[in-house]
Protein backbone atom coordinates (compact mmCIF):
# COMPACT_ATOMS: atom_id res chain seq x y z
CA UNK A 1 56.62 160.87 134.47
CA UNK A 2 57.58 160.98 130.79
CA UNK A 3 61.17 160.03 131.59
CA UNK A 4 59.99 157.07 133.69
CA UNK A 5 57.77 155.91 130.84
CA UNK A 6 60.65 156.15 128.41
CA UNK A 7 62.86 154.24 130.82
CA UNK A 8 60.46 151.29 130.95
CA UNK A 9 60.03 151.34 127.18
CA UNK A 10 63.80 151.08 126.75
CA UNK A 11 63.92 148.30 129.29
CA UNK A 12 61.26 146.33 127.41
CA UNK A 13 63.16 146.83 124.15
CA UNK A 14 66.35 145.54 125.75
CA UNK A 15 64.51 142.55 127.23
CA UNK A 16 62.99 141.77 123.84
CA UNK A 17 66.40 142.03 122.20
CA UNK A 18 68.02 139.79 124.85
CA UNK A 19 65.19 137.28 124.53
CA UNK A 20 65.59 137.22 120.72
CA UNK A 21 69.33 136.63 121.00
CA UNK A 22 68.69 133.86 123.53
CA UNK A 23 66.17 132.18 121.23
CA UNK A 24 68.60 132.39 118.31
CA UNK A 25 71.33 130.78 120.42
CA UNK A 26 68.98 128.03 121.62
CA UNK A 27 67.74 127.43 118.08
CA UNK A 28 71.34 127.23 116.86
CA UNK A 29 72.19 124.69 119.54
CA UNK A 30 69.11 122.61 118.70
CA UNK A 31 69.82 122.69 114.97
CA UNK A 32 73.48 121.83 115.52
CA UNK A 33 72.50 118.93 117.78
CA UNK A 34 69.92 117.72 115.24
CA UNK A 35 72.33 118.04 112.31
CA UNK A 36 75.11 116.28 114.20
CA UNK A 37 72.89 113.40 115.25
CA UNK A 38 71.37 113.12 111.77
CA UNK A 39 74.88 112.71 110.37
CA UNK A 40 75.70 110.10 113.03
CA UNK A 41 72.89 107.69 112.06
CA UNK A 42 74.64 104.70 110.56
CA UNK A 43 73.51 101.68 108.55
CA UNK A 44 75.87 98.75 107.98
CA UNK A 45 74.97 96.03 105.48
CA UNK A 46 76.60 92.98 103.93
CA UNK A 47 75.11 91.16 100.93
CA UNK A 48 76.23 88.74 98.22
CA UNK A 49 75.52 90.29 94.82
CA UNK A 50 77.28 89.97 91.45
CA UNK A 51 79.18 86.95 92.75
CA UNK A 52 80.94 89.02 95.42
CA UNK A 53 80.43 90.44 98.89
CA UNK A 54 78.90 93.93 98.88
CA UNK A 55 79.23 95.96 102.08
CA UNK A 56 78.01 99.44 102.99
CA UNK A 57 78.55 101.97 105.75
CA UNK A 58 75.93 104.66 105.23
CA UNK A 59 75.44 107.82 107.32
CA UNK A 60 72.47 110.18 107.56
CA UNK A 61 68.92 110.23 108.91
CA UNK A 62 67.73 108.06 105.98
CA UNK A 63 70.76 105.76 106.04
CA UNK A 64 68.81 102.51 106.43
CA UNK A 65 66.37 103.30 103.61
CA UNK A 66 69.24 104.27 101.30
CA UNK A 67 71.25 101.13 102.10
CA UNK A 68 68.23 98.89 101.50
CA UNK A 69 67.51 100.48 98.12
CA UNK A 70 71.15 100.11 97.05
CA UNK A 71 70.91 96.37 97.73
CA UNK A 72 67.64 96.18 95.82
CA UNK A 73 68.90 98.11 92.79
CA UNK A 74 72.21 96.24 92.59
CA UNK A 75 70.31 92.95 92.69
CA UNK A 76 68.08 94.16 89.84
CA UNK A 77 71.19 95.32 87.98
CA UNK A 78 72.73 91.85 88.22
CA UNK A 79 69.53 90.28 86.94
CA UNK A 80 69.76 92.43 83.79
CA UNK A 81 73.49 92.19 83.06
CA UNK A 82 74.78 88.82 84.27
CA UNK A 83 75.86 86.46 81.51
CA UNK A 84 75.03 83.53 83.80
CA UNK A 85 71.37 84.31 84.61
CA UNK A 86 68.94 83.02 81.98
CA UNK A 87 66.54 85.88 82.75
CA UNK A 88 69.11 88.58 81.93
CA UNK A 89 69.18 90.62 78.72
CA UNK A 90 72.88 89.87 78.23
CA UNK A 91 72.18 86.13 78.47
CA UNK A 92 69.58 86.50 75.68
CA UNK A 93 72.03 88.52 73.60
CA UNK A 94 74.67 85.80 73.95
CA UNK A 95 72.21 83.00 73.14
CA UNK A 96 71.22 84.75 69.91
CA UNK A 97 74.81 85.21 68.69
CA UNK A 98 75.18 84.57 64.97
CA UNK A 99 71.40 84.29 64.51
CA UNK A 100 69.54 87.49 65.26
CA UNK A 101 69.58 90.90 66.89
CA UNK A 102 68.09 91.22 70.37
CA UNK A 103 65.96 94.11 71.63
CA UNK A 104 67.40 95.64 74.79
CA UNK A 105 66.03 98.09 77.34
CA UNK A 106 67.42 101.65 77.01
CA UNK A 107 69.60 101.46 80.12
CA UNK A 108 71.14 98.12 79.13
CA UNK A 109 71.77 99.31 75.59
CA UNK A 110 73.38 102.52 76.86
CA UNK A 111 75.72 100.70 79.25
CA UNK A 112 76.59 98.03 76.66
CA UNK A 113 77.44 100.69 74.10
CA UNK A 114 79.71 102.51 76.54
CA UNK A 115 81.45 99.25 77.45
CA UNK A 116 81.93 98.54 73.74
CA UNK A 117 83.36 102.01 73.11
CA UNK A 118 85.86 101.57 75.95
CA UNK A 119 86.79 98.17 74.53
CA UNK A 120 87.49 99.69 71.14
CA UNK A 121 89.52 102.52 72.68
CA UNK A 122 91.83 100.01 74.37
CA UNK A 123 92.91 98.52 71.05
CA UNK A 124 91.78 95.07 72.08
CA UNK A 125 93.50 94.98 75.48
CA UNK A 126 90.13 95.19 77.21
CA UNK A 127 87.30 93.46 75.34
CA UNK A 128 83.83 92.63 76.68
CA UNK A 129 83.44 89.86 74.05
CA UNK A 130 86.04 87.86 75.98
CA UNK A 131 83.34 85.55 77.38
CA UNK A 132 84.33 82.48 75.28
CA UNK A 133 87.79 82.63 76.89
CA UNK A 134 86.56 83.23 80.45
CA UNK A 135 84.11 80.36 80.10
CA UNK A 136 86.85 78.11 78.71
CA UNK A 137 89.16 78.73 81.68
CA UNK A 138 86.28 78.50 84.17
CA UNK A 139 88.00 80.64 86.79
CA UNK A 140 84.93 82.75 87.55
CA UNK A 141 82.64 79.70 87.74
CA UNK A 142 84.86 77.41 89.78
CA UNK A 143 85.25 74.86 86.95
CA UNK A 144 88.93 75.66 86.54
CA UNK A 145 91.24 74.02 84.02
CA UNK A 146 94.18 74.83 81.77
CA UNK A 147 92.72 74.47 78.26
CA UNK A 148 94.65 72.98 75.37
CA UNK A 149 96.07 75.40 72.80
CA UNK A 150 93.60 74.44 70.07
CA UNK A 151 90.65 75.31 72.32
CA UNK A 152 92.28 78.61 73.27
CA UNK A 153 92.78 79.53 69.62
CA UNK A 154 89.14 78.76 68.81
CA UNK A 155 87.95 80.92 71.70
CA UNK A 156 90.34 83.73 70.76
CA UNK A 157 88.85 83.87 67.25
CA UNK A 158 85.51 84.81 68.79
CA UNK A 159 86.87 87.72 70.82
CA UNK A 160 86.16 90.69 68.56
CA UNK A 161 84.43 93.83 69.80
CA UNK A 162 83.85 94.95 66.20
CA UNK A 163 81.45 92.02 65.77
CA UNK A 164 79.07 93.56 68.32
CA UNK A 165 76.70 95.66 66.23
CA UNK A 166 74.17 98.21 67.51
CA UNK A 167 70.95 99.43 65.91
CA UNK A 168 69.94 102.58 67.76
CA UNK A 169 66.73 103.05 65.80
CA UNK A 170 65.41 99.60 66.75
CA UNK A 171 67.17 99.52 70.14
CA UNK A 172 68.92 96.23 69.40
CA UNK A 173 72.36 94.65 69.64
CA UNK A 174 73.73 91.75 67.62
CA UNK A 175 76.74 89.46 67.98
CA UNK A 176 77.63 88.53 64.42
CA UNK A 177 79.54 85.29 65.05
CA UNK A 178 77.98 82.12 66.40
CA UNK A 179 79.57 81.23 69.73
CA UNK A 180 80.37 84.82 70.65
CA UNK A 181 79.32 86.16 74.03
CA UNK A 182 79.57 89.32 76.10
CA UNK A 183 81.02 89.29 79.62
CA UNK A 184 80.51 92.55 81.55
CA UNK A 185 82.08 91.19 84.73
CA UNK A 186 85.20 93.29 84.22
CA UNK A 187 83.33 96.59 84.30
CA UNK A 188 79.88 96.09 85.88
CA UNK A 189 80.94 96.50 89.51
CA UNK A 190 82.54 99.85 88.79
CA UNK A 191 79.45 100.97 86.89
CA UNK A 192 77.23 99.97 89.80
CA UNK A 193 78.97 102.53 92.03
CA UNK A 194 77.14 105.16 89.95
CA UNK A 195 73.84 103.44 90.72
CA UNK A 196 74.58 103.70 94.44
CA UNK A 197 75.58 107.36 94.09
CA UNK A 198 72.16 108.32 92.72
CA UNK A 199 70.44 106.53 95.60
CA UNK A 200 72.62 108.18 98.23
CA UNK A 201 71.79 111.57 96.68
CA UNK A 202 68.07 110.75 96.65
CA UNK A 203 68.01 110.02 100.39
CA UNK A 204 70.23 112.90 101.45
CA UNK A 205 72.97 110.62 102.71
CA UNK A 206 75.76 112.61 104.40
CA UNK A 207 78.46 110.02 103.71
CA UNK A 208 78.91 106.39 102.68
CA UNK A 209 81.59 103.82 101.97
CA UNK A 210 80.58 101.08 99.53
CA UNK A 211 82.68 97.99 98.79
CA UNK A 212 81.92 95.81 95.76
CA UNK A 213 84.58 93.18 95.20
CA UNK A 214 87.74 95.05 94.23
CA UNK A 215 85.95 98.42 94.13
CA UNK A 216 85.59 100.97 96.92
CA UNK A 217 83.35 104.02 96.54
CA UNK A 218 83.54 106.89 99.02
CA UNK A 219 80.47 109.12 98.88
CA UNK A 220 81.00 112.55 100.45
CA UNK A 221 82.68 112.36 103.89
CA UNK A 222 82.64 110.76 107.32
CA UNK A 223 80.37 112.19 110.05
CA UNK A 224 83.29 114.10 111.56
CA UNK A 225 83.85 115.91 108.26
CA UNK A 226 87.04 114.07 107.30
CA UNK A 227 87.76 111.90 104.27
CA UNK A 228 87.51 108.12 104.34
CA UNK A 229 90.81 106.35 104.92
CA UNK A 230 91.13 103.17 102.86
CA UNK A 231 93.80 100.55 102.42
CA UNK A 232 95.22 99.04 99.23
CA UNK A 233 95.24 95.25 99.43
CA UNK A 234 98.60 93.50 99.84
CA UNK A 235 98.64 91.25 96.73
CA UNK A 236 100.69 88.63 98.56
CA UNK A 237 99.23 89.05 102.04
CA UNK A 238 96.13 87.84 103.85
CA UNK A 239 92.69 89.08 102.79
CA UNK A 240 92.68 91.92 105.33
CA UNK A 241 96.36 92.90 104.85
CA UNK A 242 97.28 96.21 103.18
CA UNK A 243 100.54 97.63 101.87
CA UNK A 244 99.39 101.23 101.37
CA UNK A 245 96.70 103.66 102.45
CA UNK A 246 95.16 106.93 101.26
CA UNK A 247 92.25 109.24 102.07
CA UNK A 248 89.42 109.52 99.55
CA UNK A 249 86.17 111.42 99.07
CA UNK A 250 83.66 111.32 96.19
CA UNK A 251 85.78 108.87 94.23
CA UNK A 252 86.13 105.19 93.34
CA UNK A 253 89.14 103.01 94.07
CA UNK A 254 89.25 99.97 91.79
CA UNK A 255 91.89 97.24 92.07
CA UNK A 256 92.72 94.43 89.66
CA UNK A 257 95.10 91.80 90.99
CA UNK A 258 96.26 88.28 90.31
CA UNK A 259 95.28 87.31 93.86
CA UNK A 260 91.53 87.85 93.51
CA UNK A 261 90.54 84.64 91.72
CA UNK A 262 93.08 82.07 90.71
CA UNK A 263 94.11 78.44 90.78
CA UNK A 264 97.52 76.76 90.68
CA UNK A 265 98.82 73.87 88.61
CA UNK A 266 102.39 72.61 89.04
CA UNK A 267 103.27 75.75 90.97
CA UNK A 268 101.97 78.12 88.29
CA UNK A 269 99.31 80.68 89.26
CA UNK A 270 96.50 81.09 86.73
CA UNK A 271 94.39 84.14 87.60
CA UNK A 272 91.13 85.50 86.16
CA UNK A 273 92.47 88.53 84.23
CA UNK A 274 92.86 87.13 80.72
CA UNK A 275 94.87 88.76 77.96
CA UNK A 276 92.77 88.64 74.75
CA UNK A 277 95.96 88.63 72.68
CA UNK A 278 97.39 85.42 74.17
CA UNK A 279 94.25 83.79 75.52
CA UNK A 280 96.07 83.18 78.82
CA UNK A 281 96.06 84.99 82.16
CA UNK A 282 98.05 88.20 81.78
CA UNK A 283 101.80 87.93 82.39
CA UNK A 284 102.66 91.62 82.20
CA UNK A 285 104.97 91.85 85.19
CA UNK A 286 102.29 93.50 87.35
CA UNK A 287 100.49 91.73 90.16
CA UNK A 288 98.20 94.58 91.22
CA UNK A 289 96.86 97.80 89.71
CA UNK A 290 94.68 100.26 91.63
CA UNK A 291 92.92 103.14 89.86
CA UNK A 292 91.48 106.19 91.63
CA UNK A 293 88.92 108.31 89.75
CA UNK A 294 85.36 109.62 90.35
CA UNK A 295 83.93 107.50 87.49
CA UNK A 296 83.54 103.90 88.65
CA UNK A 297 83.20 102.53 85.11
CA UNK A 298 86.48 104.13 84.08
CA UNK A 299 88.14 103.02 87.32
CA UNK A 300 87.47 99.35 86.64
CA UNK A 301 88.22 99.67 82.93
CA UNK A 302 91.63 101.24 83.54
CA UNK A 303 92.62 98.88 86.36
CA UNK A 304 92.14 95.91 84.02
CA UNK A 305 93.66 97.65 81.00
CA UNK A 306 96.82 98.78 82.81
CA UNK A 307 97.19 95.38 84.45
CA UNK A 308 97.31 93.71 81.03
CA UNK A 309 99.45 96.40 79.38
CA UNK A 310 102.08 95.97 82.10
CA UNK A 311 104.67 98.10 83.85
CA UNK A 312 106.29 99.24 80.59
CA UNK A 313 103.10 101.22 79.89
CA UNK A 314 102.97 102.94 83.28
CA UNK A 315 105.23 105.82 82.28
CA UNK A 316 102.74 106.68 79.54
CA UNK A 317 100.00 107.27 82.11
CA UNK A 318 102.12 108.72 84.89
CA UNK A 319 101.00 112.32 84.37
CA UNK A 320 97.31 111.77 83.56
CA UNK A 321 94.94 114.07 85.41
CA UNK A 322 91.67 112.17 84.89
CA UNK A 323 92.77 109.21 87.03
CA UNK A 324 95.58 108.16 89.33
CA UNK A 325 97.15 104.73 89.79
CA UNK A 326 99.08 102.60 92.26
CA UNK A 327 100.73 99.63 90.54
CA UNK A 328 102.80 96.80 92.00
CA UNK A 329 105.17 94.58 90.03
CA UNK A 330 106.31 91.05 90.83
CA UNK A 331 109.38 92.42 92.68
CA UNK A 332 107.11 94.46 95.00
CA UNK A 333 108.10 97.77 93.44
CA UNK A 334 105.29 100.32 93.72
CA UNK A 335 104.58 102.85 90.96
CA UNK A 336 102.42 105.83 91.95
CA UNK A 337 101.10 108.38 89.45
CA UNK A 338 102.14 111.98 89.87
CA UNK A 339 98.73 113.19 91.08
CA UNK A 340 98.82 110.71 94.00
CA UNK A 341 102.45 111.11 95.08
CA UNK A 342 101.64 113.08 98.23
CA UNK A 343 98.46 111.14 99.06
CA UNK A 344 99.63 107.53 99.13
CA UNK A 345 101.38 106.19 102.22
CA UNK A 346 103.29 102.90 101.94
CA UNK A 347 102.70 100.99 105.17
CA UNK A 348 104.57 97.75 104.42
CA UNK A 349 108.37 97.89 104.39
CA UNK A 350 108.54 95.04 101.87
CA UNK A 351 107.19 97.38 99.19
CA UNK A 352 109.47 99.97 97.59
CA UNK A 353 107.98 103.13 96.13
CA UNK A 354 109.39 104.11 92.72
CA UNK A 355 109.40 107.65 91.24
CA UNK A 356 109.79 109.41 94.60
């Protein structure tokens, strides 16, 4: 009798053990299914913000909420930083040039100071006080013209980052010369990638690909666990044509090119990337520069700076480890930094990769 009782006790223990294993397996399957489907939820948006098309592919169970908030925050960002909107803080700063300091909100002051510091570090190659020149040429507003030399010289005299003065105690900024103005268009889109990153983190997004003009931001990974594959625009091809591709994750790809905004007069192309030293569109021998780095602000800063400095400066930055670059000269030679050599694939036979 005792043996029979022990037998049934052992049987019950085994049944309980089998049932527990079964429940664990079922729970694992359910959780895997839930996790997989949560990653698969996708939101796709397209908006016009900061004078460019902004698109998103967002994955995760809160993808739609995240995408909507990105649009909202980028719109608010533009309203604070645009030099063209009368309600913006930068517009007020520009209007008060040569007269008085302007109180700025902490986030605007912080971004403006960083942009000024980057301008100073470039030795004048990149300068956010270039607004008098950009306004004169009218390329970003559609009122394009080739100005006379006297007008260019007057505008050049106002481009001086050292005339932008900050008062941290009173939270103000001041442009010392009448007629000066700040234009953050050459760095704001890259900075806004950081705004999107915080929102994606907030909503537990599993992956996203954000496009803002010439900037691409890959947040985390695709639903299948692989990196995002992106193309580098063919500077002499159609809008959707690419000459190279690479895989990216948690990084920003920023491209400056003479094809983005330009007009032609007598067969000469006048693009929107102005050289503060000459007052004219840059003629550095490069037609496209792409920067890859996790910091969107730096990505856009360096793409513009290297574009103006030209191909003679590329060797200087070839072995940097804080960013990588893909540059194209007017003969379609492609220069790829050392840290991207194995990652970049040239897909157009008209382009020749240098430094292989």
